[in-house]
Protein backbone atom coordinates (compact mmCIF):
# COMPACT_ATOMS: atom_id res chain seq x y z
CA UNK A 1 0.00 0.00 0.00
CA UNK A 2 1.27 3.46 -0.92
CA UNK A 3 1.04 6.29 1.60
CA UNK A 4 -1.26 9.07 0.42
CA UNK A 5 -0.02 12.65 0.32
CA UNK A 6 -2.87 14.73 1.84
CA UNK A 7 -2.00 17.59 -0.56
CA UNK A 8 -2.90 15.40 -3.56
CA UNK A 9 -6.48 15.10 -4.87
CA UNK A 10 -8.41 12.06 -3.68
CA UNK A 11 -10.68 11.89 -6.73
CA UNK A 12 -10.33 12.27 -10.49
CA UNK A 13 -13.26 12.52 -12.94
CA UNK A 14 -13.06 12.55 -16.74
CA UNK A 15 -15.23 11.89 -19.75
CA UNK A 16 -14.08 9.28 -22.24
CA UNK A 17 -15.45 7.61 -25.35
CA UNK A 18 -15.14 3.85 -25.11
CA UNK A 19 -13.39 2.04 -27.92
CA UNK A 20 -14.85 -1.00 -29.69
CA UNK A 21 -16.04 -3.50 -27.10
CA UNK A 22 -16.54 -0.82 -24.42
CA UNK A 23 -15.87 -1.11 -20.70
CA UNK A 24 -16.86 -4.03 -18.47
CA UNK A 25 -18.90 -3.36 -15.33
CA UNK A 26 -19.80 -5.68 -12.47
CA UNK A 27 -23.47 -4.73 -12.52
CA UNK A 28 -24.56 -4.61 -16.17
CA UNK A 29 -21.71 -6.04 -18.23
CA UNK A 30 -20.24 -4.02 -21.10
CA UNK A 31 -21.19 -0.38 -21.60
CA UNK A 32 -20.20 1.66 -24.64
CA UNK A 33 -20.30 5.20 -25.97
CA UNK A 34 -19.64 8.41 -24.08
CA UNK A 35 -18.78 7.57 -20.48
CA UNK A 36 -17.61 9.29 -17.32
CA UNK A 37 -14.96 7.65 -15.16
CA UNK A 38 -14.39 8.48 -11.50
CA UNK A 39 -11.35 7.20 -9.64
CA UNK A 40 -11.45 7.70 -5.86
CA UNK A 41 -9.00 7.00 -3.10
CA UNK A 42 -10.73 5.24 -0.24
CA UNK A 43 -9.50 5.02 3.36
CA UNK A 44 -8.64 1.36 2.71
CA UNK A 45 -5.77 2.62 0.52
CA UNK A 46 -7.22 1.24 -2.72
CA UNK A 47 -8.43 2.99 -5.85
CA UNK A 48 -12.15 2.55 -6.49
CA UNK A 49 -13.18 3.08 -10.13
CA UNK A 50 -16.78 3.74 -11.12
CA UNK A 51 -18.20 4.51 -14.54
CA UNK A 52 -21.46 5.80 -15.97
CA UNK A 53 -23.02 6.79 -19.24
CA UNK A 54 -22.22 10.51 -19.34
CA UNK A 55 -25.17 12.43 -17.91
CA UNK A 56 -26.89 9.39 -16.41
CA UNK A 57 -27.72 8.93 -12.74
CA UNK A 58 -26.48 5.35 -12.33
CA UNK A 59 -22.86 4.53 -11.56
CA UNK A 60 -21.32 1.10 -12.08
CA UNK A 61 -18.18 -0.54 -10.75
CA UNK A 62 -15.49 -0.94 -13.39
CA UNK A 63 -14.71 -4.66 -13.26
CA UNK A 64 -11.50 -5.31 -11.35
CA UNK A 65 -12.09 -2.40 -8.97
CA UNK A 66 -11.05 -1.77 -6.28
CA UNK A 67 -7.35 -2.08 -7.01
CA UNK A 68 -4.26 -1.48 -4.94
CA UNK A 69 -2.95 2.02 -5.41
CA UNK A 70 0.14 1.83 -7.64
CA UNK A 71 3.39 3.50 -6.59
CA UNK A 72 2.74 6.09 -9.30
CA UNK A 73 -0.40 7.23 -7.47
CA UNK A 74 -4.11 7.76 -7.97
CA UNK A 75 -3.83 10.07 -10.97
CA UNK A 76 -1.70 7.53 -12.86
CA UNK A 77 -4.27 4.81 -12.05
CA UNK A 78 -7.03 7.05 -13.39
CA UNK A 79 -5.19 7.83 -16.64
CA UNK A 80 -4.36 4.15 -17.13
CA UNK A 81 -8.05 3.29 -16.83
CA UNK A 82 -8.98 6.05 -19.30
CA UNK A 83 -6.56 4.59 -21.85
CA UNK A 84 -7.91 1.08 -21.32
CA UNK A 85 -11.46 2.35 -21.90
CA UNK A 86 -10.40 4.25 -25.05
CA UNK A 87 -9.00 0.96 -26.40
CA UNK A 88 -12.24 -0.87 -25.48
CA UNK A 89 -12.18 -4.68 -25.56
CA UNK A 90 -14.36 -4.88 -22.42
CA UNK A 91 -11.83 -2.71 -20.54
CA UNK A 92 -11.28 -3.43 -16.86
CA UNK A 93 -9.39 -1.79 -14.03
CA UNK A 94 -5.70 -2.66 -13.87
CA UNK A 95 -4.89 -5.23 -11.23
Foldseek 3Di string as FASTA:
>chain_A
DDDDDVVDDFKDKDKAFFDPQAAQFPPPGHDGGIKMWMWGQDPVQWIWIWMDRPPDDDITGGPPPGDHADPVGRVVQVVVQRVQRNNHPNGGRDD
